[in-house]
Amino acid sequence: MTREITYEWKVREFMARSHIYNSKELTELLRQRGITLSPTQVWRLVTKDPERISFAVLGALCDILGVQVNELIVFKAADARTLRRKAAGGTDLPDLRDYRPVRARIVTDDVDE
């Protein structure tokens, strides 16, 4: 059985708890710890789930936010079939192959005034 690993990136939650409300503030805090990233890179780090992150950046984020790595990133593993079934909403969905398209009729209203 294939297992799929998913993760939840909680940097925004911990930023709010630390009263850091925008990526500009975070950029300066990272710079104080020797991490030089552009404002756009920090914004992406905050708003999107990163696929890759350096240990230096991860360590700096943990230091800034006062958390451990396992608090910042929560991993979940599940069977691949179970995840797909949950994403589809279960087995009570109609099979779309049972429905056929209906030819449209165009009706014009010719009203003479």
PDB file of N, CA and C in Angstrom:
ATOM      1  N   MET A   1       0.854  -1.186   0.000  1.00  0.00           N
ATOM      2  CA  MET A   1       0.000   0.000   0.000  1.00  0.00           C
ATOM      3  C   MET A   1       0.890   1.237   0.000  1.00  0.00           C
ATOM      4  N   THR A   2       0.590   2.158  -0.869  1.00  0.00           N
ATOM      5  CA  THR A   2       1.345   3.391  -0.968  1.00  0.00           C
ATOM      6  C   THR A   2       0.897   4.365   0.114  1.00  0.00           C
ATOM      7  N   ARG A   3       1.870   5.012   0.732  1.00  0.00           N
ATOM      8  CA  ARG A   3       1.577   5.997   1.760  1.00  0.00           C
ATOM      9  C   ARG A   3       1.889   7.384   1.212  1.00  0.00           C
ATOM     10  N   GLU A   4       1.055   8.339   1.523  1.00  0.00           N
ATOM     11  CA  GLU A   4       1.287   9.710   1.126  1.00  0.00           C
ATOM     12  C   GLU A   4       1.549  10.547   2.372  1.00  0.00           C
ATOM     13  N   ILE A   5       2.582  11.358   2.278  1.00  0.00           N
ATOM     14  CA  ILE A   5       2.950  12.223   3.385  1.00  0.00           C
ATOM     15  C   ILE A   5       2.487  13.638   3.042  1.00  0.00           C
ATOM     16  N   THR A   6       1.714  14.223   3.919  1.00  0.00           N
ATOM     17  CA  THR A   6       1.291  15.614   3.762  1.00  0.00           C
ATOM     18  C   THR A   6       1.813  16.395   4.958  1.00  0.00           C
ATOM     19  N   TYR A   7       1.832  17.693   4.826  1.00  0.00           N
ATOM     20  CA  TYR A   7       2.286  18.508   5.945  1.00  0.00           C
ATOM     21  C   TYR A   7       1.478  19.792   6.018  1.00  0.00           C
ATOM     22  N   GLU A   8       1.485  20.341   7.209  1.00  0.00           N
ATOM     23  CA  GLU A   8       0.796  21.606   7.449  1.00  0.00           C
ATOM     24  C   GLU A   8       1.843  22.623   7.898  1.00  0.00           C
ATOM     25  N   TRP A   9       1.984  23.694   7.148  1.00  0.00           N
ATOM     26  CA  TRP A   9       2.956  24.744   7.418  1.00  0.00           C
ATOM     27  C   TRP A   9       2.276  25.797   8.272  1.00  0.00           C
ATOM     28  N   LYS A  10       2.693  25.969   9.523  1.00  0.00           N
ATOM     29  CA  LYS A  10       1.979  26.821  10.474  1.00  0.00           C
ATOM     30  C   LYS A  10       2.692  28.136  10.777  1.00  0.00           C
ATOM     31  N   VAL A  11       3.492  28.616   9.830  1.00  0.00           N
ATOM     32  CA  VAL A  11       4.264  29.833  10.096  1.00  0.00           C
ATOM     33  C   VAL A  11       3.362  31.039  10.329  1.00  0.00           C
ATOM     34  N   ARG A  12       2.256  31.153   9.595  1.00  0.00           N
ATOM     35  CA  ARG A  12       1.362  32.312   9.778  1.00  0.00           C
ATOM     36  C   ARG A  12       0.717  32.304  11.162  1.00  0.00           C
ATOM     37  N   GLU A  13       0.324  31.124  11.613  1.00  0.00           N
ATOM     38  CA  GLU A  13      -0.293  31.007  12.938  1.00  0.00           C
ATOM     39  C   GLU A  13       0.674  31.480  14.022  1.00  0.00           C
ATOM     40  N   PHE A  14       1.920  31.032  13.949  1.00  0.00           N
ATOM     41  CA  PHE A  14       2.890  31.408  14.977  1.00  0.00           C
ATOM     42  C   PHE A  14       3.361  32.856  14.818  1.00  0.00           C
ATOM     43  N   MET A  15       3.333  33.377  13.597  1.00  0.00           N
ATOM     44  CA  MET A  15       3.627  34.803  13.427  1.00  0.00           C
ATOM     45  C   MET A  15       2.571  35.634  14.146  1.00  0.00           C
ATOM     46  N   ALA A  16       1.312  35.267  13.997  1.00  0.00           N
ATOM     47  CA  ALA A  16       0.239  36.013  14.654  1.00  0.00           C
ATOM     48  C   ALA A  16       0.367  35.919  16.173  1.00  0.00           C
ATOM     49  N   ARG A  17       0.718  34.741  16.662  1.00  0.00           N
ATOM     50  CA  ARG A  17       0.901  34.593  18.114  1.00  0.00           C
ATOM     51  C   ARG A  17       2.051  35.448  18.630  1.00  0.00           C
ATOM     52  N   SER A  18       3.052  35.676  17.772  1.00  0.00           N
ATOM     53  CA  SER A  18       4.211  36.490  18.155  1.00  0.00           C
ATOM     54  C   SER A  18       4.023  37.962  17.805  1.00  0.00           C
ATOM     55  N   HIS A  19       2.821  38.330  17.362  1.00  0.00           N
ATOM     56  CA  HIS A  19       2.487  39.711  16.998  1.00  0.00           C
ATOM     57  C   HIS A  19       3.333  40.220  15.834  1.00  0.00           C
ATOM     58  N   ILE A  20       3.622  39.335  14.886  1.00  0.00           N
ATOM     59  CA  ILE A  20       4.285  39.707  13.641  1.00  0.00           C
ATOM     60  C   ILE A  20       3.211  39.597  12.572  1.00  0.00           C
ATOM     61  N   TYR A  21       2.779  40.726  12.041  1.00  0.00           N
ATOM     62  CA  TYR A  21       1.602  40.726  11.185  1.00  0.00           C
ATOM     63  C   TYR A  21       1.873  40.889   9.695  1.00  0.00           C
ATOM     64  N   ASN A  22       3.128  41.094   9.306  1.00  0.00           N
ATOM     65  CA  ASN A  22       3.413  41.128   7.873  1.00  0.00           C
ATOM     66  C   ASN A  22       4.817  40.594   7.605  1.00  0.00           C
ATOM     67  N   SER A  23       5.058  40.271   6.352  1.00  0.00           N
ATOM     68  CA  SER A  23       6.336  39.659   5.997  1.00  0.00           C
ATOM     69  C   SER A  23       7.489  40.656   6.071  1.00  0.00           C
ATOM     70  N   LYS A  24       7.194  41.945   6.000  1.00  0.00           N
ATOM     71  CA  LYS A  24       8.250  42.953   6.101  1.00  0.00           C
ATOM     72  C   LYS A  24       8.910  42.904   7.477  1.00  0.00           C
ATOM     73  N   GLU A  25       8.105  42.750   8.518  1.00  0.00           N
ATOM     74  CA  GLU A  25       8.659  42.616   9.870  1.00  0.00           C
ATOM     75  C   GLU A  25       9.522  41.363   9.973  1.00  0.00           C
ATOM     76  N   LEU A  26       9.044  40.281   9.370  1.00  0.00           N
ATOM     77  CA  LEU A  26       9.772  39.014   9.416  1.00  0.00           C
ATOM     78  C   LEU A  26      11.093  39.109   8.644  1.00  0.00           C
ATOM     79  N   THR A  27      11.099  39.854   7.540  1.00  0.00           N
ATOM     80  CA  THR A  27      12.316  40.038   6.755  1.00  0.00           C
ATOM     81  C   THR A  27      13.416  40.658   7.610  1.00  0.00           C
ATOM     82  N   GLU A  28      13.068  41.674   8.381  1.00  0.00           N
ATOM     83  CA  GLU A  28      14.057  42.334   9.242  1.00  0.00           C
ATOM     84  C   GLU A  28      14.552  41.398  10.343  1.00  0.00           C
ATOM     85  N   LEU A  29      13.645  40.627  10.947  1.00  0.00           N
ATOM     86  CA  LEU A  29      14.045  39.686  11.994  1.00  0.00           C
ATOM     87  C   LEU A  29      14.963  38.598  11.439  1.00  0.00           C
ATOM     88  N   LEU A  30      14.701  38.147  10.218  1.00  0.00           N
ATOM     89  CA  LEU A  30      15.576  37.164   9.585  1.00  0.00           C
ATOM     90  C   LEU A  30      16.944  37.782   9.301  1.00  0.00           C
ATOM     91  N   ARG A  31      16.959  39.022   8.850  1.00  0.00           N
ATOM     92  CA  ARG A  31      18.217  39.713   8.552  1.00  0.00           C
ATOM     93  C   ARG A  31      19.074  39.839   9.810  1.00  0.00           C
ATOM     94  N   GLN A  32      18.442  40.064  10.967  1.00  0.00           N
ATOM     95  CA  GLN A  32      19.175  40.163  12.232  1.00  0.00           C
ATOM     96  C   GLN A  32      19.858  38.846  12.592  1.00  0.00           C
ATOM     97  N   ARG A  33      19.351  37.753  12.030  1.00  0.00           N
ATOM     98  CA  ARG A  33      19.930  36.438  12.306  1.00  0.00           C
ATOM     99  C   ARG A  33      20.820  35.943  11.163  1.00  0.00           C
ATOM    100  N   GLY A  34      21.177  36.833  10.251  1.00  0.00           N
ATOM    101  CA  GLY A  34      22.100  36.489   9.183  1.00  0.00           C
ATOM    102  C   GLY A  34      21.461  35.860   7.960  1.00  0.00           C
ATOM    103  N   ILE A  35      20.142  35.886   7.865  1.00  0.00           N
ATOM    104  CA  ILE A  35      19.433  35.331   6.713  1.00  0.00           C
ATOM    105  C   ILE A  35      18.997  36.497   5.840  1.00  0.00           C
ATOM    106  N   THR A  36      19.565  36.587   4.639  1.00  0.00           N
ATOM    107  CA  THR A  36      19.218  37.666   3.727  1.00  0.00           C
ATOM    108  C   THR A  36      18.329  37.117   2.619  1.00  0.00           C
ATOM    109  N   LEU A  37      17.057  37.424   2.712  1.00  0.00           N
ATOM    110  CA  LEU A  37      16.084  37.041   1.690  1.00  0.00           C
ATOM    111  C   LEU A  37      15.384  38.308   1.208  1.00  0.00           C
ATOM    112  N   SER A  38      14.961  38.288  -0.030  1.00  0.00           N
ATOM    113  CA  SER A  38      14.219  39.446  -0.552  1.00  0.00           C
ATOM    114  C   SER A  38      12.822  39.459   0.063  1.00  0.00           C
ATOM    115  N   PRO A  39      12.189  40.616   0.068  1.00  0.00           N
ATOM    116  CA  PRO A  39      10.815  40.676   0.596  1.00  0.00           C
ATOM    117  C   PRO A  39       9.863  39.712  -0.123  1.00  0.00           C
ATOM    118  N   THR A  40      10.069  39.507  -1.417  1.00  0.00           N
ATOM    119  CA  THR A  40       9.228  38.576  -2.171  1.00  0.00           C
ATOM    120  C   THR A  40       9.444  37.141  -1.705  1.00  0.00           C
ATOM    121  N   GLN A  41      10.692  36.774  -1.451  1.00  0.00           N
ATOM    122  CA  GLN A  41      10.976  35.418  -0.972  1.00  0.00           C
ATOM    123  C   GLN A  41      10.353  35.174   0.398  1.00  0.00           C
ATOM    124  N   VAL A  42      10.435  36.163   1.272  1.00  0.00           N
ATOM    125  CA  VAL A  42       9.832  36.018   2.605  1.00  0.00           C
ATOM    126  C   VAL A  42       8.317  35.958   2.490  1.00  0.00           C
ATOM    127  N   TRP A  43       7.736  36.770   1.597  1.00  0.00           N
ATOM    128  CA  TRP A  43       6.286  36.743   1.402  1.00  0.00           C
ATOM    129  C   TRP A  43       5.842  35.357   0.939  1.00  0.00           C
ATOM    130  N   ARG A  44       6.588  34.756  -0.014  1.00  0.00           N
ATOM    131  CA  ARG A  44       6.253  33.405  -0.470  1.00  0.00           C
ATOM    132  C   ARG A  44       6.390  32.387   0.652  1.00  0.00           C
ATOM    133  N   LEU A  45       7.404  32.569   1.492  1.00  0.00           N
ATOM    134  CA  LEU A  45       7.622  31.660   2.615  1.00  0.00           C
ATOM    135  C   LEU A  45       6.457  31.713   3.594  1.00  0.00           C
ATOM    136  N   VAL A  46       5.864  32.889   3.734  1.00  0.00           N
ATOM    137  CA  VAL A  46       4.752  33.076   4.670  1.00  0.00           C
ATOM    138  C   VAL A  46       3.428  32.613   4.064  1.00  0.00           C
ATOM    139  N   THR A  47       3.195  32.916   2.796  1.00  0.00           N
ATOM    140  CA  THR A  47       1.879  32.679   2.212  1.00  0.00           C
ATOM    141  C   THR A  47       1.697  31.316   1.570  1.00  0.00           C
ATOM    142  N   LYS A  48       2.778  30.632   1.236  1.00  0.00           N
ATOM    143  CA  LYS A  48       2.674  29.340   0.562  1.00  0.00           C
ATOM    144  C   LYS A  48       3.415  28.264   1.345  1.00  0.00           C
ATOM    145  N   ASP A  49       3.018  27.023   1.135  1.00  0.00           N
ATOM    146  CA  ASP A  49       3.723  25.909   1.753  1.00  0.00           C
ATOM    147  C   ASP A  49       5.012  25.648   0.980  1.00  0.00           C
ATOM    148  N   PRO A  50       6.168  25.785   1.633  1.00  0.00           N
ATOM    149  CA  PRO A  50       7.424  25.586   0.905  1.00  0.00           C
ATOM    150  C   PRO A  50       7.661  24.111   0.596  1.00  0.00           C
ATOM    151  N   GLU A  51       8.199  23.855  -0.598  1.00  0.00           N
ATOM    152  CA  GLU A  51       8.579  22.489  -0.959  1.00  0.00           C
ATOM    153  C   GLU A  51       9.994  22.194  -0.482  1.00  0.00           C
ATOM    154  N   ARG A  52      10.839  23.234  -0.472  1.00  0.00           N
ATOM    155  CA  ARG A  52      12.212  23.109   0.013  1.00  0.00           C
ATOM    156  C   ARG A  52      12.507  24.315   0.891  1.00  0.00           C
ATOM    157  N   ILE A  53      13.285  24.074   1.956  1.00  0.00           N
ATOM    158  CA  ILE A  53      13.681  25.166   2.830  1.00  0.00           C
ATOM    159  C   ILE A  53      15.032  24.800   3.437  1.00  0.00           C
ATOM    160  N   SER A  54      15.916  25.767   3.539  1.00  0.00           N
ATOM    161  CA  SER A  54      17.229  25.479   4.105  1.00  0.00           C
ATOM    162  C   SER A  54      17.115  25.378   5.626  1.00  0.00           C
ATOM    163  N   PHE A  55      18.034  24.611   6.205  1.00  0.00           N
ATOM    164  CA  PHE A  55      18.022  24.458   7.659  1.00  0.00           C
ATOM    165  C   PHE A  55      18.316  25.782   8.353  1.00  0.00           C
ATOM    166  N   ALA A  56      19.123  26.640   7.724  1.00  0.00           N
ATOM    167  CA  ALA A  56      19.431  27.933   8.332  1.00  0.00           C
ATOM    168  C   ALA A  56      18.163  28.782   8.443  1.00  0.00           C
ATOM    169  N   VAL A  57      17.357  28.813   7.387  1.00  0.00           N
ATOM    170  CA  VAL A  57      16.102  29.582   7.410  1.00  0.00           C
ATOM    171  C   VAL A  57      15.129  28.960   8.409  1.00  0.00           C
ATOM    172  N   LEU A  58      15.031  27.642   8.386  1.00  0.00           N
ATOM    173  CA  LEU A  58      14.123  26.952   9.314  1.00  0.00           C
ATOM    174  C   LEU A  58      14.524  27.207  10.766  1.00  0.00           C
ATOM    175  N   GLY A  59      15.819  27.143  11.046  1.00  0.00           N
ATOM    176  CA  GLY A  59      16.299  27.421  12.397  1.00  0.00           C
ATOM    177  C   GLY A  59      16.037  28.852  12.819  1.00  0.00           C
ATOM    178  N   ALA A  60      16.234  29.804  11.886  1.00  0.00           N
ATOM    179  CA  ALA A  60      15.971  31.206  12.201  1.00  0.00           C
ATOM    180  C   ALA A  60      14.485  31.438  12.472  1.00  0.00           C
ATOM    181  N   LEU A  61      13.618  30.814  11.662  1.00  0.00           N
ATOM    182  CA  LEU A  61      12.170  30.958  11.894  1.00  0.00           C
ATOM    183  C   LEU A  61      11.777  30.406  13.258  1.00  0.00           C
ATOM    184  N   CYS A  62      12.321  29.252  13.605  1.00  0.00           N
ATOM    185  CA  CYS A  62      12.015  28.665  14.922  1.00  0.00           C
ATOM    186  C   CYS A  62      12.492  29.575  16.045  1.00  0.00           C
ATOM    187  N   ASP A  63      13.661  30.184  15.885  1.00  0.00           N
ATOM    188  CA  ASP A  63      14.181  31.099  16.905  1.00  0.00           C
ATOM    189  C   ASP A  63      13.308  32.344  17.015  1.00  0.00           C
ATOM    190  N   ILE A  64      12.935  32.916  15.880  1.00  0.00           N
ATOM    191  CA  ILE A  64      12.098  34.125  15.879  1.00  0.00           C
ATOM    192  C   ILE A  64      10.745  33.863  16.518  1.00  0.00           C
ATOM    193  N   LEU A  65      10.135  32.740  16.162  1.00  0.00           N
ATOM    194  CA  LEU A  65       8.778  32.445  16.623  1.00  0.00           C
ATOM    195  C   LEU A  65       8.740  31.722  17.963  1.00  0.00           C
ATOM    196  N   GLY A  66       9.898  31.281  18.450  1.00  0.00           N
ATOM    197  CA  GLY A  66       9.959  30.607  19.749  1.00  0.00           C
ATOM    198  C   GLY A  66       9.297  29.247  19.748  1.00  0.00           C
ATOM    199  N   VAL A  67       9.481  28.495  18.670  1.00  0.00           N
ATOM    200  CA  VAL A  67       8.869  27.165  18.552  1.00  0.00           C
ATOM    201  C   VAL A  67       9.911  26.143  18.132  1.00  0.00           C
ATOM    202  N   GLN A  68       9.544  24.881  18.215  1.00  0.00           N
ATOM    203  CA  GLN A  68      10.361  23.787  17.712  1.00  0.00           C
ATOM    204  C   GLN A  68       9.912  23.463  16.289  1.00  0.00           C
ATOM    205  N   VAL A  69      10.748  22.758  15.554  1.00  0.00           N
ATOM    206  CA  VAL A  69      10.435  22.417  14.160  1.00  0.00           C
ATOM    207  C   VAL A  69       9.135  21.626  14.066  1.00  0.00           C
ATOM    208  N   ASN A  70       8.925  20.679  14.984  1.00  0.00           N
ATOM    209  CA  ASN A  70       7.718  19.847  14.922  1.00  0.00           C
ATOM    210  C   ASN A  70       6.444  20.632  15.244  1.00  0.00           C
ATOM    211  N   GLU A  71       6.561  21.822  15.800  1.00  0.00           N
ATOM    212  CA  GLU A  71       5.400  22.678  15.994  1.00  0.00           C
ATOM    213  C   GLU A  71       5.117  23.508  14.742  1.00  0.00           C
ATOM    214  N   LEU A  72       6.180  23.890  14.043  1.00  0.00           N
ATOM    215  CA  LEU A  72       6.062  24.722  12.852  1.00  0.00           C
ATOM    216  C   LEU A  72       5.582  23.925  11.641  1.00  0.00           C
ATOM    217  N   ILE A  73       6.012  22.657  11.564  1.00  0.00           N
ATOM    218  CA  ILE A  73       5.620  21.779  10.462  1.00  0.00           C
ATOM    219  C   ILE A  73       5.007  20.522  11.071  1.00  0.00           C
ATOM    220  N   VAL A  74       3.746  20.272  10.759  1.00  0.00           N
ATOM    221  CA  VAL A  74       3.066  19.086  11.271  1.00  0.00           C
ATOM    222  C   VAL A  74       2.884  18.114  10.105  1.00  0.00           C
ATOM    223  N   PHE A  75       3.495  16.931  10.234  1.00  0.00           N
ATOM    224  CA  PHE A  75       3.430  15.931   9.178  1.00  0.00           C
ATOM    225  C   PHE A  75       2.314  14.935   9.458  1.00  0.00           C
ATOM    226  N   LYS A  76       1.684  14.468   8.372  1.00  0.00           N
ATOM    227  CA  LYS A  76       0.637  13.449   8.471  1.00  0.00           C
ATOM    228  C   LYS A  76       0.887  12.412   7.395  1.00  0.00           C
ATOM    229  N   ALA A  77       0.743  11.146   7.740  1.00  0.00           N
ATOM    230  CA  ALA A  77       0.893  10.064   6.766  1.00  0.00           C
ATOM    231  C   ALA A  77      -0.408   9.271   6.725  1.00  0.00           C
ATOM    232  N   ALA A  78      -0.841   8.935   5.512  1.00  0.00           N
ATOM    233  CA  ALA A  78      -2.070   8.161   5.346  1.00  0.00           C
ATOM    234  C   ALA A  78      -1.955   7.322   4.087  1.00  0.00           C
ATOM    235  N   ASP A  79      -2.777   6.297   4.007  1.00  0.00           N
ATOM    236  CA  ASP A  79      -2.800   5.486   2.799  1.00  0.00           C
ATOM    237  C   ASP A  79      -3.283   6.334   1.640  1.00  0.00           C
ATOM    238  N   ALA A  80      -2.692   6.130   0.479  1.00  0.00           N
ATOM    239  CA  ALA A  80      -3.008   6.946  -0.692  1.00  0.00           C
ATOM    240  C   ALA A  80      -4.476   6.839  -1.077  1.00  0.00           C
ATOM    241  N   ARG A  81      -5.037   5.663  -1.029  1.00  0.00           N
ATOM    242  CA  ARG A  81      -6.455   5.490  -1.396  1.00  0.00           C
ATOM    243  C   ARG A  81      -7.376   6.250  -0.452  1.00  0.00           C
ATOM    244  N   THR A  82      -7.059   6.221   0.828  1.00  0.00           N
ATOM    245  CA  THR A  82      -7.884   6.920   1.811  1.00  0.00           C
ATOM    246  C   THR A  82      -7.893   8.412   1.536  1.00  0.00           C
ATOM    247  N   LEU A  83      -6.738   8.993   1.228  1.00  0.00           N
ATOM    248  CA  LEU A  83      -6.671  10.423   0.946  1.00  0.00           C
ATOM    249  C   LEU A  83      -7.477  10.781  -0.286  1.00  0.00           C
ATOM    250  N   ARG A  84      -7.365   9.976  -1.344  1.00  0.00           N
ATOM    251  CA  ARG A  84      -8.100  10.285  -2.571  1.00  0.00           C
ATOM    252  C   ARG A  84      -9.600  10.182  -2.343  1.00  0.00           C
ATOM    253  N   ARG A  85     -10.040   9.208  -1.587  1.00  0.00           N
ATOM    254  CA  ARG A  85     -11.462   9.030  -1.331  1.00  0.00           C
ATOM    255  C   ARG A  85     -12.001  10.204  -0.519  1.00  0.00           C
ATOM    256  N   LYS A  86     -11.239  10.653   0.482  1.00  0.00           N
ATOM    257  CA  LYS A  86     -11.682  11.795   1.278  1.00  0.00           C
ATOM    258  C   LYS A  86     -11.727  13.051   0.432  1.00  0.00           C
ATOM    259  N   ALA A  87     -10.758  13.221  -0.454  1.00  0.00           N
ATOM    260  CA  ALA A  87     -10.736  14.398  -1.313  1.00  0.00           C
ATOM    261  C   ALA A  87     -11.924  14.404  -2.269  1.00  0.00           C
ATOM    262  N   ALA A  88     -12.365  13.217  -2.678  1.00  0.00           N
ATOM    263  CA  ALA A  88     -13.494  13.131  -3.600  1.00  0.00           C
ATOM    264  C   ALA A  88     -14.826  13.296  -2.885  1.00  0.00           C
ATOM    265  N   GLY A  89     -14.832  13.230  -1.589  1.00  0.00           N
ATOM    266  CA  GLY A  89     -16.065  13.455  -0.846  1.00  0.00           C
ATOM    267  C   GLY A  89     -16.816  12.181  -0.515  1.00  0.00           C
ATOM    268  N   GLY A  90     -16.234  11.027  -0.687  1.00  0.00           N
ATOM    269  CA  GLY A  90     -16.882   9.774  -0.324  1.00  0.00           C
ATOM    270  C   GLY A  90     -17.419   9.036  -1.526  1.00  0.00           C
ATOM    271  N   THR A  91     -18.232   8.017  -1.250  1.00  0.00           N
ATOM    272  CA  THR A  91     -18.742   7.159  -2.318  1.00  0.00           C
ATOM    273  C   THR A  91     -20.140   7.539  -2.766  1.00  0.00           C
ATOM    274  N   ASP A  92     -20.764   8.517  -2.155  1.00  0.00           N
ATOM    275  CA  ASP A  92     -22.137   8.870  -2.497  1.00  0.00           C
ATOM    276  C   ASP A  92     -22.223   9.869  -3.650  1.00  0.00           C
ATOM    277  N   LEU A  93     -21.121  10.123  -4.343  1.00  0.00           N
ATOM    278  CA  LEU A  93     -21.135  11.025  -5.486  1.00  0.00           C
ATOM    279  C   LEU A  93     -21.701  10.323  -6.707  1.00  0.00           C
ATOM    280  N   PRO A  94     -22.457  11.034  -7.548  1.00  0.00           N
ATOM    281  CA  PRO A  94     -22.988  10.395  -8.755  1.00  0.00           C
ATOM    282  C   PRO A  94     -21.869  10.150  -9.769  1.00  0.00           C
ATOM    283  N   ASP A  95     -22.039   9.106 -10.554  1.00  0.00           N
ATOM    284  CA  ASP A  95     -21.076   8.804 -11.601  1.00  0.00           C
ATOM    285  C   ASP A  95     -21.422   9.668 -12.811  1.00  0.00           C
ATOM    286  N   LEU A  96     -20.536  10.582 -13.161  1.00  0.00           N
ATOM    287  CA  LEU A  96     -20.822  11.529 -14.234  1.00  0.00           C
ATOM    288  C   LEU A  96     -20.913  10.858 -15.596  1.00  0.00           C
ATOM    289  N   ARG A  97     -20.418   9.649 -15.728  1.00  0.00           N
ATOM    290  CA  ARG A  97     -20.525   8.943 -17.003  1.00  0.00           C
ATOM    291  C   ARG A  97     -21.960   8.532 -17.302  1.00  0.00           C
ATOM    292  N   ASP A  98     -22.843   8.543 -16.281  1.00  0.00           N
ATOM    293  CA  ASP A  98     -24.246   8.194 -16.482  1.00  0.00           C
ATOM    294  C   ASP A  98     -25.049   9.348 -17.086  1.00  0.00           C
ATOM    295  N   TYR A  99     -24.483  10.523 -17.119  1.00  0.00           N
ATOM    296  CA  TYR A  99     -25.189  11.690 -17.633  1.00  0.00           C
ATOM    297  C   TYR A  99     -24.673  12.038 -19.021  1.00  0.00           C
ATOM    298  N   ARG A 100     -25.594  12.365 -19.907  1.00  0.00           N
ATOM    299  CA  ARG A 100     -25.229  12.743 -21.271  1.00  0.00           C
ATOM    300  C   ARG A 100     -25.612  14.199 -21.483  1.00  0.00           C
ATOM    301  N   PRO A 101     -24.864  14.909 -22.300  1.00  0.00           N
ATOM    302  CA  PRO A 101     -25.223  16.307 -22.553  1.00  0.00           C
ATOM    303  C   PRO A 101     -26.528  16.410 -23.329  1.00  0.00           C
ATOM    304  N   VAL A 102     -27.243  17.477 -23.109  1.00  0.00           N
ATOM    305  CA  VAL A 102     -28.508  17.730 -23.787  1.00  0.00           C
ATOM    306  C   VAL A 102     -28.271  18.855 -24.791  1.00  0.00           C
ATOM    307  N   ARG A 103     -28.773  18.647 -26.012  1.00  0.00           N
ATOM    308  CA  ARG A 103     -28.603  19.656 -27.050  1.00  0.00           C
ATOM    309  C   ARG A 103     -29.348  20.925 -26.654  1.00  0.00           C
ATOM    310  N   ALA A 104     -28.673  22.042 -26.787  1.00  0.00           N
ATOM    311  CA  ALA A 104     -29.268  23.322 -26.428  1.00  0.00           C
ATOM    312  C   ALA A 104     -30.155  23.832 -27.559  1.00  0.00           C
ATOM    313  N   ARG A 105     -31.252  24.484 -27.191  1.00  0.00           N
ATOM    314  CA  ARG A 105     -32.131  25.119 -28.178  1.00  0.00           C
ATOM    315  C   ARG A 105     -32.032  26.619 -27.984  1.00  0.00           C
ATOM    316  N   ILE A 106     -31.799  27.306 -29.067  1.00  0.00           N
ATOM    317  CA  ILE A 106     -31.707  28.757 -29.000  1.00  0.00           C
ATOM    318  C   ILE A 106     -33.042  29.326 -29.446  1.00  0.00           C
ATOM    319  N   VAL A 107     -33.668  30.092 -28.587  1.00  0.00           N
ATOM    320  CA  VAL A 107     -34.971  30.686 -28.852  1.00  0.00           C
ATOM    321  C   VAL A 107     -34.785  32.178 -28.943  1.00  0.00           C
ATOM    322  N   THR A 108     -35.271  32.758 -30.001  1.00  0.00           N
ATOM    323  CA  THR A 108     -35.190  34.205 -30.137  1.00  0.00           C
ATOM    324  C   THR A 108     -36.559  34.803 -29.931  1.00  0.00           C
ATOM    325  N   ASP A 109     -36.600  35.924 -29.303  1.00  0.00           N
ATOM    326  CA  ASP A 109     -37.861  36.646 -29.092  1.00  0.00           C
ATOM    327  C   ASP A 109     -37.915  37.753 -30.120  1.00  0.00           C
ATOM    328  N   ASP A 110     -38.709  37.548 -31.155  1.00  0.00           N
ATOM    329  CA  ASP A 110     -38.889  38.565 -32.198  1.00  0.00           C
ATOM    330  C   ASP A 110     -40.156  39.340 -31.886  1.00  0.00           C
ATOM    331  N   VAL A 111     -40.005  40.413 -31.185  1.00  0.00           N
ATOM    332  CA  VAL A 111     -41.145  41.257 -30.826  1.00  0.00           C
ATOM    333  C   VAL A 111     -41.091  42.492 -31.715  1.00  0.00           C
ATOM    334  N   ASP A 112     -42.124  42.664 -32.523  1.00  0.00           N
ATOM    335  CA  ASP A 112     -42.192  43.833 -33.410  1.00  0.00           C
ATOM    336  C   ASP A 112     -42.951  44.949 -32.695  1.00  0.00           C
ATOM    337  N   GLU A 113     -42.352  46.069 -32.641  1.00  0.00           N
ATOM    338  CA  GLU A 113     -43.012  47.198 -32.010  1.00  0.00           C
ATOM    339  C   GLU A 113     -43.230  48.304 -32.978  1.00  0.00           C
TER     340      GLU A 113
END
